[in-house]
Amino acid sequence: MAPECRMRTSIFFFSFVSSLIWSCSLVPGVYGGWWWLLFPGHGGGGGGPAVGEATEICASTVAPNGYKCQEFNVRTEDGYILTMHRIPEGRNGDGGAAAAGPRQPVLLQHGLLVDGTTWVLNSPEESLAYVLADAGYDVWIANTRGTRWSRRHSTLDPSSPAYWRWSWDELAMYELPATVGFVYQKTGKKVDYVGHSMGALMALASLSEGKLVDKLRSAALLSPIAYLSQMKAPLWIVGARAFLGEMIASLGISEFDITGLPVTNFLKLLCLDSNIDCYDLMATLTGKNCCLNESTVELFLNYEPQPTSTRNMVHFAQTYRDGVPSKFDFGRRDANLRQYGQERPPAYNMSAISGEFPLFLSYGGRDFLSDVDDVRRLLVDLRSHDADKLTIQFVPEFAHVDFIIGVSAKTVVYDQILAFFRRLG
């Protein structure tokens, strides 16, 4: 059966079953109530600030830990107004010898369905943002469009479908140049970059097109995503194969809010698959993380997940199904021709990344999203990279979330990032 036919059949089936679930009240009537399934025995998330609430990272998390914190608004070329947070120095105010002279700026970019809060959820001794600040770095935290702190636009409102008309293409094309450019302009120095998951993909996509190299000094990529064809996450696989994102889009849902009732209902349908363990969704979605602290997980569930666009989810599904990272496929030859000048969207050529640009890649053996075989395929693309400009770390026991809130991430990964940065001078 052709992909278009499979998609139409899937849409019909899921729409029919979903209507039955709604009409027969088979889904619990608790808004967003599925998220507690991430960890059996935990209460539902949502104890943190609601989307759009005024409380922000500086006041709620960073300042109480004894750090200075600043907030900035950054406007992208396509009109989105993003909030960035800055930790300009360590708790002791000087950061030791590393802080002599102007501090080296570091930009932290989060992944999919979370926001910048993830970098500051652990203790100051364990959170990457604090570790960098205390080591003498000028730390900047980005928050992607559509997440809690970045829901403004020069002309559009988040209630408008047009606001959500973007995917990771636009994040690489407009958002990353805006945040990197802002930090570069404010500090006058080339920026070191740390991206996790989708944050790594944004950098790889931009760098593959020759962008940012004039403003970035280096990039450290954690759980790097480029290829997804060997992804092991059952829920994402079933959703991609069933064209879940396309189904949600066909119902007029432009904002993919994983805690919202429409998306929750679709996810519950996917959970009918016997191969999906929906009573341990963290492992089902990301792999068996080795090193999560229960109190941090509770805090994580208070602040996350965050919305993204349905188009973004469709794009990730396309990347899985197509086997290569390509620009967004509009699903019609005429639409692709108008956008790209060709009937199929062009692929991102990861081998085009400058071999002289310093890269650090760290990936885990238990990661269901940034699968070992997919990362190795990326490394094949980078085989011509200058040997002294490419640092690779493999952590057999780590899964996807260990890299951002794992209690051992500091000693296992963050110390290696610091060593990588320091080698640059």
Protein backbone atom coordinates (compact mmCIF):
# COMPACT_ATOMS: atom_id res chain seq x y z
CA MET A 1 0.00 0.00 0.00
CA ALA A 2 1.35 3.44 -0.94
CA PRO A 3 2.29 5.81 1.92
CA GLU A 4 -0.55 8.18 1.01
CA CYS A 5 -3.07 5.33 1.21
CA ARG A 6 -1.63 4.10 4.51
CA MET A 7 -1.90 7.59 5.91
CA ARG A 8 -5.55 8.01 4.82
CA THR A 9 -6.44 4.59 6.25
CA SER A 10 -4.68 5.38 9.53
CA ILE A 11 -6.42 8.74 9.80
CA PHE A 12 -9.81 7.13 9.26
CA PHE A 13 -9.16 4.37 11.80
CA PHE A 14 -7.76 6.63 14.50
CA SER A 15 -10.42 9.27 14.01
CA PHE A 16 -13.12 6.58 14.29
CA VAL A 17 -11.66 4.96 17.41
CA SER A 18 -10.88 8.33 18.96
CA SER A 19 -14.49 9.41 18.51
CA LEU A 20 -15.61 6.24 20.28
CA ILE A 21 -13.25 6.93 23.15
CA TRP A 22 -14.55 10.47 23.50
CA SER A 23 -18.23 9.50 23.23
CA CYS A 24 -17.97 6.49 25.55
CA SER A 25 -15.81 8.34 28.08
CA LEU A 26 -13.18 5.61 27.95
CA VAL A 27 -10.39 8.10 28.55
CA PRO A 28 -10.12 9.53 32.08
CA GLY A 29 -11.34 13.10 32.19
CA VAL A 30 -8.21 14.49 33.81
CA TYR A 31 -6.57 17.04 31.53
CA GLY A 32 -3.06 15.91 30.83
CA GLY A 33 -3.48 13.04 33.29
CA TRP A 34 -1.45 10.56 31.25
CA TRP A 35 1.92 12.11 32.13
CA TRP A 36 1.99 10.49 35.57
CA LEU A 37 2.52 7.22 33.71
CA LEU A 38 6.11 8.26 33.08
CA PHE A 39 6.89 7.05 36.56
CA PRO A 40 4.51 4.65 38.29
CA GLY A 41 3.59 5.88 41.73
CA HIS A 42 4.26 9.52 40.98
CA GLY A 43 1.50 12.06 40.96
CA GLY A 44 0.65 13.95 37.80
CA GLY A 45 2.89 16.73 36.64
CA GLY A 46 1.84 20.33 36.32
CA GLY A 47 2.82 21.60 39.75
CA GLY A 48 5.18 24.10 38.14
CA PRO A 49 4.19 27.34 36.42
CA ALA A 50 1.56 27.00 33.70
CA VAL A 51 2.43 27.85 30.11
CA GLY A 52 2.34 31.62 29.76
CA GLU A 53 2.65 32.27 33.51
CA ALA A 54 4.94 35.17 34.40
CA THR A 55 7.27 33.27 36.73
CA GLU A 56 10.46 32.45 34.83
CA ILE A 57 13.67 30.50 35.24
CA CYS A 58 15.62 33.29 36.95
CA ALA A 59 13.13 33.86 39.76
CA SER A 60 11.91 30.30 40.20
CA THR A 61 15.11 28.29 39.91
CA VAL A 62 18.40 30.11 39.34
CA ALA A 63 18.32 32.97 41.87
CA PRO A 64 17.22 30.71 44.77
CA ASN A 65 20.42 28.72 44.19
CA GLY A 66 22.53 31.84 44.72
CA TYR A 67 23.36 32.78 41.11
CA LYS A 68 22.88 36.06 39.30
CA CYS A 69 20.43 35.69 36.46
CA GLN A 70 19.35 37.96 33.62
CA GLU A 71 16.53 37.72 31.08
CA PHE A 72 16.63 38.88 27.46
CA ASN A 73 14.20 38.92 24.56
CA VAL A 74 15.49 37.87 21.14
CA ARG A 75 13.54 38.33 17.91
CA THR A 76 14.05 35.89 15.04
CA GLU A 77 13.98 36.84 11.37
CA ASP A 78 10.57 35.16 11.03
CA GLY A 79 9.10 37.19 13.90
CA TYR A 80 9.23 34.93 16.95
CA ILE A 81 10.18 36.57 20.23
CA LEU A 82 12.27 34.23 22.35
CA THR A 83 13.26 34.51 25.98
CA MET A 84 16.88 33.78 26.85
CA HIS A 85 18.29 33.48 30.35
CA ARG A 86 21.85 34.33 31.30
CA ILE A 87 23.94 33.23 34.28
CA PRO A 88 26.86 35.67 33.93
CA GLU A 89 29.03 34.29 36.73
CA GLY A 90 29.37 31.55 39.33
CA ARG A 91 28.00 31.55 42.84
CA ASN A 92 31.21 32.94 44.28
CA GLY A 93 31.11 35.79 41.78
CA ASP A 94 34.46 35.13 40.16
CA GLY A 95 34.57 31.54 38.92
CA GLY A 96 38.23 31.16 39.80
CA ALA A 97 41.14 31.52 37.43
CA ALA A 98 39.05 30.52 34.41
CA ALA A 99 37.17 33.80 34.71
CA ALA A 100 40.21 36.07 34.28
CA GLY A 101 39.23 38.63 31.68
CA PRO A 102 35.96 38.48 29.74
CA ARG A 103 34.18 35.19 30.26
CA GLN A 104 33.82 32.76 27.39
CA PRO A 105 30.11 32.56 26.42
CA VAL A 106 28.35 29.19 26.24
CA LEU A 107 24.87 28.74 24.77
CA LEU A 108 22.75 25.81 26.00
CA GLN A 109 20.02 24.57 23.64
CA HIS A 110 17.46 22.07 24.92
CA GLY A 111 15.77 19.27 23.02
CA LEU A 112 12.26 18.33 21.93
CA LEU A 113 9.23 18.72 24.27
CA VAL A 114 11.24 20.44 27.02
CA ASP A 115 12.62 23.94 27.62
CA GLY A 116 15.69 25.59 29.10
CA THR A 117 14.65 24.68 32.64
CA THR A 118 16.11 21.21 32.11
CA TRP A 119 19.64 22.64 32.38
CA VAL A 120 19.09 23.85 35.98
CA LEU A 121 16.90 21.17 37.61
CA ASN A 122 19.63 19.31 39.46
CA SER A 123 21.77 20.69 42.25
CA PRO A 124 24.41 23.33 41.40
CA GLU A 125 27.03 20.59 41.57
CA GLU A 126 25.14 18.46 39.01
CA SER A 127 23.41 20.87 36.57
CA LEU A 128 25.40 21.78 33.46
CA ALA A 129 24.43 25.47 33.53
CA TYR A 130 25.73 25.88 37.09
CA VAL A 131 28.80 23.72 36.49
CA LEU A 132 29.80 25.93 33.56
CA ALA A 133 29.10 29.16 35.46
CA ASP A 134 31.17 28.01 38.43
CA ALA A 135 33.98 27.06 36.04
CA GLY A 136 34.17 30.64 34.79
CA TYR A 137 31.86 30.63 31.77
CA ASP A 138 29.18 33.13 30.76
CA VAL A 139 26.14 30.84 30.42
CA TRP A 140 23.19 31.55 28.14
CA ILE A 141 20.07 29.36 28.10
CA ALA A 142 17.80 29.30 25.04
CA ASN A 143 14.07 28.54 25.04
CA THR A 144 12.62 27.38 21.73
CA ARG A 145 9.50 28.97 20.23
CA GLY A 146 6.23 27.62 21.58
CA THR A 147 7.64 26.64 24.97
CA ARG A 148 6.61 28.32 28.22
CA TRP A 149 8.97 31.29 28.06
CA SER A 150 8.91 31.88 24.29
CA ARG A 151 5.30 32.13 23.15
CA ARG A 152 5.31 35.60 21.60
CA HIS A 153 5.48 36.76 17.99
CA SER A 154 5.54 40.16 16.34
CA THR A 155 2.18 39.56 14.60
CA LEU A 156 0.89 36.07 15.48
CA ASP A 157 -0.77 34.63 18.57
CA PRO A 158 -0.20 31.05 19.79
CA SER A 159 -3.94 30.47 19.32
CA SER A 160 -3.42 30.92 15.57
CA PRO A 161 -2.46 27.89 13.43
CA ALA A 162 -0.06 30.17 11.55
CA TYR A 163 2.01 30.57 14.73
CA TRP A 164 2.77 26.83 14.66
CA ARG A 165 3.71 26.63 10.98
CA TRP A 166 7.30 25.54 11.52
CA SER A 167 9.52 22.51 12.11
CA TRP A 168 13.15 21.99 13.03
CA ASP A 169 13.98 23.42 9.60
CA GLU A 170 12.99 26.86 10.87
CA LEU A 171 14.74 26.29 14.19
CA ALA A 172 17.98 25.71 12.29
CA MET A 173 17.31 28.44 9.71
CA TYR A 174 16.03 31.28 11.91
CA GLU A 175 16.10 30.48 15.60
CA LEU A 176 19.65 29.28 16.11
CA PRO A 177 21.17 32.15 14.08
CA ALA A 178 19.12 34.57 16.19
CA THR A 179 20.20 33.21 19.59
CA VAL A 180 23.83 32.63 18.62
CA GLY A 181 23.97 36.04 16.96
CA PHE A 182 22.50 37.72 20.03
CA VAL A 183 25.07 36.17 22.39
CA TYR A 184 27.86 37.01 19.96
CA GLN A 185 26.70 40.62 19.72
CA LYS A 186 26.34 40.99 23.50
CA THR A 187 29.69 39.42 24.40
CA GLY A 188 31.84 40.21 21.37
CA LYS A 189 33.20 36.66 21.44
CA LYS A 190 32.63 33.51 19.43
CA VAL A 191 30.24 31.22 21.28
CA ASP A 192 30.67 27.67 22.53
CA TYR A 193 27.47 25.70 22.00
CA VAL A 194 25.92 22.76 23.83
CA GLY A 195 22.91 21.08 22.26
CA HIS A 196 20.96 18.06 23.47
CA SER A 197 18.90 15.88 21.12
CA MET A 198 16.96 18.27 18.86
CA GLY A 199 19.37 20.99 20.01
CA ALA A 200 22.16 18.93 18.45
CA LEU A 201 20.16 18.46 15.24
CA MET A 202 19.60 22.22 14.96
CA ALA A 203 23.36 22.80 15.08
CA LEU A 204 24.19 19.97 12.68
CA ALA A 205 21.63 21.20 10.15
CA SER A 206 22.93 24.79 10.34
CA LEU A 207 26.58 23.79 10.20
CA SER A 208 25.95 21.49 7.23
CA GLU A 209 24.82 24.54 5.28
CA GLY A 210 27.85 26.59 6.28
CA LYS A 211 25.99 28.76 8.78
CA LEU A 212 27.11 29.94 12.23
CA VAL A 213 30.80 29.11 11.73
CA ASP A 214 31.64 32.81 11.90
CA LYS A 215 29.99 33.15 15.32
CA LEU A 216 30.50 29.73 16.95
CA ARG A 217 33.81 28.62 18.39
CA SER A 218 32.74 25.00 18.93
CA ALA A 219 29.76 22.69 19.50
CA ALA A 220 29.27 19.96 22.10
CA LEU A 221 26.42 17.67 21.04
CA LEU A 222 24.77 15.37 23.58
CA SER A 223 22.56 12.50 22.38
CA PRO A 224 23.06 13.87 18.85
CA ILE A 225 20.18 13.28 16.48
CA ALA A 226 20.62 13.40 12.73
CA TYR A 227 19.60 9.98 11.51
CA LEU A 228 16.62 8.26 13.13
CA SER A 229 16.06 5.10 11.10
CA GLN A 230 17.43 2.82 13.86
CA MET A 231 15.46 4.53 16.64
CA LYS A 232 14.32 2.00 19.26
CA ALA A 233 11.57 3.97 21.05
CA PRO A 234 8.37 1.89 20.51
CA LEU A 235 5.91 4.76 21.01
CA TRP A 236 7.67 7.03 18.53
CA ILE A 237 8.04 4.18 16.02
CA VAL A 238 4.36 3.24 16.14
CA GLY A 239 3.38 6.91 15.92
CA ALA A 240 5.63 7.52 12.91
CA ARG A 241 4.48 4.41 11.08
CA ALA A 242 0.83 5.24 11.79
CA PHE A 243 1.29 8.84 10.57
CA LEU A 244 0.13 10.11 13.97
CA GLY A 245 1.43 13.65 13.38
CA GLU A 246 -0.34 13.84 10.03
CA MET A 247 -3.55 12.60 11.68
CA ILE A 248 -3.37 15.24 14.36
CA ALA A 249 -2.67 17.92 11.75
CA SER A 250 -5.64 16.73 9.66
CA LEU A 251 -7.88 17.43 12.65
CA GLY A 252 -6.73 21.05 12.71
CA ILE A 253 -4.46 20.66 15.75
CA SER A 254 -1.40 22.81 15.07
CA GLU A 255 0.05 22.89 18.58
CA PHE A 256 1.37 19.51 19.73
CA ASP A 257 0.77 19.77 23.47
CA ILE A 258 1.58 16.39 24.91
CA THR A 259 -0.35 17.20 28.09
CA GLY A 260 -3.44 18.35 26.18
CA LEU A 261 -6.47 16.13 25.86
CA PRO A 262 -6.52 15.70 22.03
CA VAL A 263 -2.90 14.50 21.86
CA THR A 264 -3.35 12.47 25.05
CA ASN A 265 -6.22 10.57 23.44
CA PHE A 266 -4.10 9.65 20.43
CA LEU A 267 -1.26 8.52 22.70
CA LYS A 268 -3.64 6.35 24.67
CA LEU A 269 -4.68 4.72 21.41
CA LEU A 270 -1.06 3.99 20.60
CA CYS A 271 -0.72 2.46 24.05
CA LEU A 272 -3.13 -0.25 22.95
CA ASP A 273 -0.18 -1.73 21.07
CA SER A 274 1.14 -4.67 23.12
CA ASN A 275 4.74 -3.70 22.32
CA ILE A 276 4.43 -0.38 24.17
CA ASP A 277 4.83 -0.27 27.94
CA CYS A 278 2.80 2.79 28.85
CA TYR A 279 3.35 2.22 32.56
CA ASP A 280 7.01 3.16 32.20
CA LEU A 281 6.86 5.76 29.48
CA MET A 282 10.18 7.39 30.33
CA ALA A 283 11.95 4.16 29.40
CA THR A 284 9.60 3.57 26.46
CA LEU A 285 10.28 7.05 25.06
CA THR A 286 13.97 7.51 25.83
CA GLY A 287 15.55 4.20 26.88
CA LYS A 288 16.41 2.83 30.32
CA ASN A 289 18.11 5.79 31.97
CA CYS A 290 20.63 4.65 34.53
CA CYS A 291 21.15 7.60 36.78
CA LEU A 292 18.06 9.67 37.53
CA ASN A 293 17.41 11.11 40.97
CA GLU A 294 13.79 10.69 42.12
CA SER A 295 13.52 14.24 43.46
CA THR A 296 14.85 15.65 40.18
CA VAL A 297 12.35 13.55 38.27
CA GLU A 298 9.54 14.98 40.41
CA LEU A 299 10.79 18.49 39.64
CA PHE A 300 11.19 17.61 35.95
CA LEU A 301 7.56 16.47 35.81
CA ASN A 302 6.47 19.74 37.39
CA TYR A 303 8.03 21.78 34.57
CA GLU A 304 7.94 19.47 31.57
CA PRO A 305 6.83 18.48 28.96
CA GLN A 306 6.49 21.57 26.79
CA PRO A 307 4.55 22.06 23.54
CA THR A 308 5.99 21.99 20.07
CA SER A 309 4.38 22.29 16.67
CA THR A 310 2.55 19.37 15.10
CA ARG A 311 4.55 20.07 11.93
CA ASN A 312 7.73 19.53 13.92
CA MET A 313 6.51 16.11 15.03
CA VAL A 314 5.58 15.29 11.43
CA HIS A 315 9.07 16.30 10.33
CA PHE A 316 10.70 13.98 12.87
CA ALA A 317 8.43 11.15 11.69
CA GLN A 318 9.48 11.86 8.10
CA THR A 319 13.13 11.69 9.17
CA TYR A 320 12.50 8.25 10.68
CA ARG A 321 10.56 6.94 7.69
CA ASP A 322 12.87 8.41 5.02
CA GLY A 323 16.08 7.27 6.69
CA VAL A 324 17.94 10.54 6.09
CA PRO A 325 17.68 14.05 7.56
CA SER A 326 15.95 16.16 4.92
CA LYS A 327 13.98 19.37 4.82
CA PHE A 328 10.27 19.20 5.56
CA ASP A 329 8.21 17.30 2.99
CA PHE A 330 4.98 19.16 2.22
CA GLY A 331 3.48 15.95 0.85
CA ARG A 332 2.77 17.35 -2.61
CA ARG A 333 5.11 17.72 -5.53
CA ASP A 334 3.84 21.19 -6.42
CA ALA A 335 4.33 22.43 -2.84
CA ASN A 336 7.85 21.05 -2.68
CA LEU A 337 8.61 22.59 -6.08
CA ARG A 338 7.50 26.00 -4.85
CA GLN A 339 9.53 25.71 -1.67
CA TYR A 340 12.67 23.93 -2.88
CA GLY A 341 12.61 24.01 -6.66
CA GLN A 342 12.43 20.21 -6.75
CA GLU A 343 9.78 17.57 -6.18
CA ARG A 344 11.48 15.99 -3.17
CA PRO A 345 12.87 17.98 -0.24
CA PRO A 346 16.67 18.24 -0.28
CA ALA A 347 18.66 16.23 2.25
CA TYR A 348 21.01 17.81 4.76
CA ASN A 349 24.57 16.81 3.87
CA MET A 350 26.28 16.25 7.21
CA SER A 351 29.59 15.52 5.48
CA ALA A 352 29.58 19.18 4.36
CA ILE A 353 30.27 20.35 7.92
CA SER A 354 33.68 22.03 7.96
CA GLY A 355 36.33 19.56 9.09
CA GLU A 356 38.11 22.37 10.91
CA PHE A 357 35.15 23.17 13.16
CA PRO A 358 35.65 21.73 16.69
CA LEU A 359 32.98 19.15 17.60
CA PHE A 360 32.38 17.08 20.73
CA LEU A 361 29.85 14.24 20.45
CA SER A 362 28.65 12.21 23.42
CA TYR A 363 26.14 9.39 23.02
CA GLY A 364 24.75 6.58 25.15
CA GLY A 365 24.46 2.84 24.73
CA ARG A 366 20.89 2.69 26.06
CA ASP A 367 19.49 5.67 24.18
CA PHE A 368 16.31 4.80 22.27
CA LEU A 369 16.25 8.09 20.32
CA SER A 370 19.88 8.81 19.53
CA ASP A 371 20.56 5.18 18.68
CA VAL A 372 24.13 3.91 18.60
CA ASP A 373 23.88 2.79 14.96
CA ASP A 374 22.39 6.12 13.88
CA VAL A 375 25.18 8.04 15.64
CA ARG A 376 27.76 5.81 14.01
CA ARG A 377 26.20 6.61 10.65
CA LEU A 378 26.63 10.31 11.49
CA LEU A 379 30.25 9.63 12.40
CA VAL A 380 30.75 8.06 8.96
CA ASP A 381 29.60 11.39 7.51
CA LEU A 382 32.20 13.11 9.69
CA ARG A 383 35.03 10.69 8.80
CA SER A 384 36.92 13.44 6.94
CA HIS A 385 36.82 15.73 9.98
CA ASP A 386 40.23 16.80 11.26
CA ALA A 387 41.16 14.25 13.92
CA ASP A 388 42.19 16.89 16.42
CA LYS A 389 38.89 18.77 15.91
CA LEU A 390 36.54 15.87 16.65
CA THR A 391 36.11 14.40 20.14
CA ILE A 392 33.85 11.37 20.56
CA GLN A 393 32.58 9.95 23.84
CA PHE A 394 30.51 6.78 24.16
CA VAL A 395 28.77 6.17 27.51
CA PRO A 396 27.44 2.58 27.48
CA GLU A 397 25.16 2.97 30.52
CA PHE A 398 23.52 6.28 29.53
CA ALA A 399 20.13 6.76 27.89
CA HIS A 400 18.62 9.95 26.50
CA VAL A 401 17.68 11.81 29.69
CA ASP A 402 20.81 10.87 31.64
CA PHE A 403 22.71 13.51 29.65
CA ILE A 404 20.64 16.41 31.02
CA ILE A 405 19.47 15.38 34.52
CA GLY A 406 21.50 12.28 35.35
CA VAL A 407 23.21 12.55 38.75
CA SER A 408 26.47 11.21 37.31
CA ALA A 409 26.41 13.38 34.18
CA LYS A 410 28.80 15.88 35.74
CA THR A 411 31.64 13.45 36.32
CA VAL A 412 30.95 11.31 33.24
CA VAL A 413 30.11 13.94 30.58
CA TYR A 414 30.27 17.55 31.79
CA ASP A 415 33.89 17.30 32.93
CA GLN A 416 34.72 16.08 29.41
CA ILE A 417 32.89 19.06 27.90
CA LEU A 418 34.90 21.41 30.11
CA ALA A 419 38.14 19.72 29.04
CA PHE A 420 37.07 20.05 25.39
CA PHE A 421 36.35 23.78 25.79
CA ARG A 422 39.60 24.40 27.64
CA ARG A 423 41.65 22.80 24.88
CA LEU A 424 40.33 25.51 22.57
CA GLY A 425 42.16 28.13 24.60
